[in-house]
Protein backbone atom coordinates (compact mmCIF):
# COMPACT_ATOMS: atom_id res chain seq x y z
CA UNK A 1 -19.22 24.06 -12.68
CA UNK A 2 -21.40 21.15 -13.75
CA UNK A 3 -19.26 20.27 -16.81
CA UNK A 4 -16.13 20.16 -14.61
CA UNK A 5 -17.89 17.81 -12.19
CA UNK A 6 -18.99 15.58 -15.06
CA UNK A 7 -15.43 15.56 -16.43
CA UNK A 8 -14.03 14.41 -13.06
CA UNK A 9 -16.49 11.52 -12.97
CA UNK A 10 -15.83 10.61 -16.61
CA UNK A 11 -12.06 10.71 -16.13
CA UNK A 12 -12.26 8.64 -12.95
CA UNK A 13 -14.39 5.99 -14.65
CA UNK A 14 -12.05 5.84 -17.66
CA UNK A 15 -8.97 5.48 -15.43
CA UNK A 16 -10.59 2.68 -13.45
CA UNK A 17 -11.53 0.86 -16.65
CA UNK A 18 -7.94 1.10 -17.96
CA UNK A 19 -6.64 0.00 -14.57
CA UNK A 20 -8.89 -3.07 -14.49
CA UNK A 21 -7.29 -4.33 -17.70
CA UNK A 22 -3.76 -4.29 -16.24
CA UNK A 23 -4.17 -4.56 -12.47
CA UNK A 24 -6.41 -7.58 -11.86
CA UNK A 25 -3.48 -10.03 -11.99
CA UNK A 26 -1.08 -8.13 -9.66
CA UNK A 27 -3.95 -7.39 -7.24
CA UNK A 28 -4.75 -11.10 -7.11
CA UNK A 29 -1.09 -12.01 -6.50
CA UNK A 30 -0.78 -9.34 -3.80
CA UNK A 31 -3.92 -10.56 -2.02
CA UNK A 32 -2.64 -14.14 -2.10
CA UNK A 33 0.73 -13.05 -0.72
CA UNK A 34 -0.89 -10.99 2.05
CA UNK A 35 -3.23 -13.81 2.98
CA UNK A 36 -0.38 -16.32 3.13
CA UNK A 37 1.65 -13.98 5.34
CA UNK A 38 -1.25 -13.66 7.78
CA UNK A 39 -1.82 -17.45 7.81
CA UNK A 40 1.87 -17.90 8.64
CA UNK A 41 1.59 -15.49 11.60
CA UNK A 42 3.14 -12.43 9.97
CA UNK A 43 1.97 -8.83 9.73
CA UNK A 44 1.65 -6.14 7.09
CA UNK A 45 3.33 -2.76 7.59
CA UNK A 46 2.08 0.11 5.41
CA UNK A 47 3.43 3.56 4.62
CA UNK A 48 2.99 6.59 2.38
CA UNK A 49 2.92 10.40 2.45
CA UNK A 50 -0.01 12.80 2.35
CA UNK A 51 -3.00 11.13 0.70
CA UNK A 52 -0.96 7.93 0.48
CA UNK A 53 -0.42 8.09 4.27
CA UNK A 54 -4.20 8.24 4.56
CA UNK A 55 -4.45 5.20 2.28
CA UNK A 56 -1.87 3.33 4.39
CA UNK A 57 -3.92 4.09 7.49
CA UNK A 58 -7.14 3.16 5.71
CA UNK A 59 -5.71 -0.26 4.80
CA UNK A 60 -4.45 -0.84 8.33
CA UNK A 61 -7.76 0.12 9.93
CA UNK A 62 -9.73 -2.19 7.60
CA UNK A 63 -7.40 -5.03 8.59
CA UNK A 64 -7.25 -4.36 12.33
CA UNK A 65 -10.96 -3.69 12.79
CA UNK A 66 -13.04 -5.20 10.00
CA UNK A 67 -13.87 -4.62 6.37
CA UNK A 68 -17.36 -5.71 5.26
CA UNK A 69 -17.99 -8.48 7.78
CA UNK A 70 -17.63 -9.34 11.42
CA UNK A 71 -14.33 -11.15 11.94
CA UNK A 72 -11.27 -11.10 14.16
CA UNK A 73 -8.75 -8.33 13.61
CA UNK A 74 -5.84 -8.98 11.27
CA UNK A 75 -2.24 -7.87 11.97
CA UNK A 76 -1.38 -4.59 10.25
CA UNK A 77 0.47 -1.44 11.27
CA UNK A 78 0.40 1.93 9.52
CA UNK A 79 3.83 3.53 9.94
CA UNK A 80 2.54 7.06 9.33
CA UNK A 81 0.43 7.42 12.49
CA UNK A 82 2.84 7.94 15.40
CA UNK A 83 3.80 11.62 15.24
CA UNK A 84 6.29 11.35 18.11
CA UNK A 85 8.17 8.60 16.30
CA UNK A 86 7.94 10.33 12.91
CA UNK A 87 9.20 13.67 14.21
CA UNK A 88 11.98 12.19 16.34
CA UNK A 89 13.34 10.16 13.42
CA UNK A 90 13.03 13.12 11.04
CA UNK A 91 14.81 15.36 13.56
CA UNK A 92 17.57 12.93 14.57
CA UNK A 93 18.20 11.39 11.14
CA UNK A 94 16.19 12.64 8.17
CA UNK A 95 12.66 12.51 6.81
CA UNK A 96 13.87 9.91 4.30
CA UNK A 97 14.33 7.52 7.25
CA UNK A 98 10.95 7.92 9.00
CA UNK A 99 9.57 4.62 7.68
CA UNK A 100 12.80 2.67 7.21
CA UNK A 101 13.76 2.92 10.89
CA UNK A 102 10.33 1.67 11.89
CA UNK A 103 10.56 -1.22 9.41
CA UNK A 104 13.93 -2.21 10.89
CA UNK A 105 12.47 -2.09 14.42
CA UNK A 106 9.10 -3.76 13.76
CA UNK A 107 9.60 -5.90 10.65
CA UNK A 108 10.57 -9.55 10.81
CA UNK A 109 11.28 -12.07 8.05
CA UNK A 110 8.02 -13.05 6.39
CA UNK A 111 6.25 -9.77 7.12
CA UNK A 112 5.15 -7.61 4.19
CA UNK A 113 5.52 -3.92 3.46
CA UNK A 114 2.77 -2.11 1.58
CA UNK A 115 4.48 1.01 0.21
CA UNK A 116 2.24 3.61 -1.42
CA UNK A 117 3.54 6.43 -3.64
CA UNK A 118 1.61 7.91 -6.55
CA UNK A 119 4.86 9.00 -8.23
CA UNK A 120 7.09 6.17 -7.01
CA UNK A 121 9.59 8.87 -6.09
CA UNK A 122 9.00 9.28 -2.34
CA UNK A 123 12.47 8.83 -0.78
CA UNK A 124 11.09 7.62 2.54
CA UNK A 125 8.95 4.92 0.86
CA UNK A 126 11.91 3.84 -1.30
CA UNK A 127 14.10 3.64 1.83
CA UNK A 128 11.37 1.61 3.57
CA UNK A 129 11.46 -0.93 0.73
CA UNK A 130 15.23 -1.22 1.10
CA UNK A 131 14.83 -1.72 4.86
CA UNK A 132 12.15 -4.36 4.27
CA UNK A 133 14.53 -6.31 2.04
CA UNK A 134 17.22 -6.09 4.75
CA UNK A 135 14.72 -7.57 7.22
CA UNK A 136 13.83 -10.52 4.97
CA UNK A 137 10.51 -9.00 4.01
CA UNK A 138 8.86 -8.59 0.62
CA UNK A 139 7.18 -5.43 -0.63
CA UNK A 140 3.94 -4.67 -2.38
CA UNK A 141 4.09 -1.25 -4.03
CA UNK A 142 1.09 0.83 -5.07
CA UNK A 143 2.44 3.29 -7.62
CA UNK A 144 1.52 5.30 -10.70
CA UNK A 145 3.12 7.08 -13.62
CA UNK A 146 6.33 5.16 -14.51
CA UNK A 147 6.79 3.66 -11.03
CA UNK A 148 9.80 5.88 -10.34
CA UNK A 149 12.68 4.88 -8.08
CA UNK A 150 10.34 2.62 -6.13
CA UNK A 151 9.87 0.34 -9.15
CA UNK A 152 13.63 0.15 -9.58
CA UNK A 153 14.12 -1.01 -5.96
CA UNK A 154 11.65 -3.88 -6.22
CA UNK A 155 12.97 -7.42 -6.60
CA UNK A 156 11.42 -10.30 -8.51
CA UNK A 157 9.80 -11.45 -5.27
CA UNK A 158 8.01 -8.11 -4.80
CA UNK A 159 4.76 -7.03 -6.45
CA UNK A 160 4.06 -3.67 -8.08
CA UNK A 161 0.50 -2.50 -8.65
CA UNK A 162 1.06 0.47 -10.98
CA UNK A 163 -2.00 2.52 -11.95
CA UNK A 164 -1.91 3.60 -15.61
CA UNK A 165 -2.31 7.34 -15.06
CA UNK A 166 -0.29 10.53 -14.69
CA UNK A 167 -2.96 12.39 -12.67
CA UNK A 168 -2.53 12.28 -8.89
CA UNK A 169 -6.26 12.48 -8.12
CA UNK A 170 -7.02 9.56 -10.46
CA UNK A 171 -4.10 7.54 -9.01
CA UNK A 172 -5.36 8.05 -5.48
CA UNK A 173 -8.89 7.06 -6.46
CA UNK A 174 -7.66 3.80 -7.95
CA UNK A 175 -5.28 3.16 -5.03
CA UNK A 176 -8.27 3.28 -2.68
CA UNK A 177 -10.18 0.87 -4.91
CA UNK A 178 -7.17 -1.47 -4.97
CA UNK A 179 -7.01 -1.35 -1.15
CA UNK A 180 -10.68 -2.30 -0.94
CA UNK A 181 -10.09 -5.15 -3.40
CA UNK A 182 -7.18 -6.41 -1.30
CA UNK A 183 -9.23 -6.28 1.91
CA UNK A 184 -12.13 -8.13 0.29
CA UNK A 185 -9.89 -10.80 -1.23
CA UNK A 186 -8.00 -11.34 2.03
CA UNK A 187 -11.27 -11.73 3.92
CA UNK A 188 -12.74 -14.13 1.38
CA UNK A 189 -9.59 -16.28 1.38
CA UNK A 190 -9.37 -16.40 5.17
CA UNK A 191 -13.03 -16.60 6.09
CA UNK A 192 -14.88 -17.78 2.96
CA UNK A 193 -17.68 -16.06 1.16
CA UNK A 194 -19.96 -13.98 3.42
C-alpha cells in the first residue's frame, strides 16, 4: 500500500506544479474580477455536482464566514445547498435546470457565477452559465481536461481556469487550491495584508 500512497502524493505534486505554470494568470484575473464585483455591491453564485458541489459550498462558506482572518462576511451563495429547491426544479423541469433557474431568480447584472465541473460537461453547470449571460452576469469556470461544453459556452468576458489534467482526483485537488488562492487574493485586495 505504501507505494500507492507515495504515487498519489507524487502525482498530486506534479499536477500542481504543471497547473502553477498555466493557472497563475487566470487565477489573478478571476480574483480581481471577484473583488471588483464585491466592491460594486454584487455577489458570487457558485455551483457544481458531487465533489464540485462541495467545492462550490466550500468557496461560499469561506466568503460568507471568513478565510484566514477576522473580517466581515462577503456575499456568496452556493446553489447546490437547498435540497427542496434542487429537487423541486429537477422534478418539475429537469436536473439540467437546477442551477439555471436559481441563477435567473437570484442573479442580477454585475453578479458573477463560479461554475465548477472537472469535465466541463455537466449540463446543469453549462445551463447555469447560459442563464448567467442572460442575466447580465459573467462566469468564472473551474474546469479540467479539454474544458468540454462549458469552455465552448464562455464568452470573451468570462474566465476559464482549466487544470491541465485528465484525472478527476487531481483536478479536484487543484480546484480546492485554486479556491483557496481566490479567497486569499480577494481578502488581501479588500482588506490589505494581514
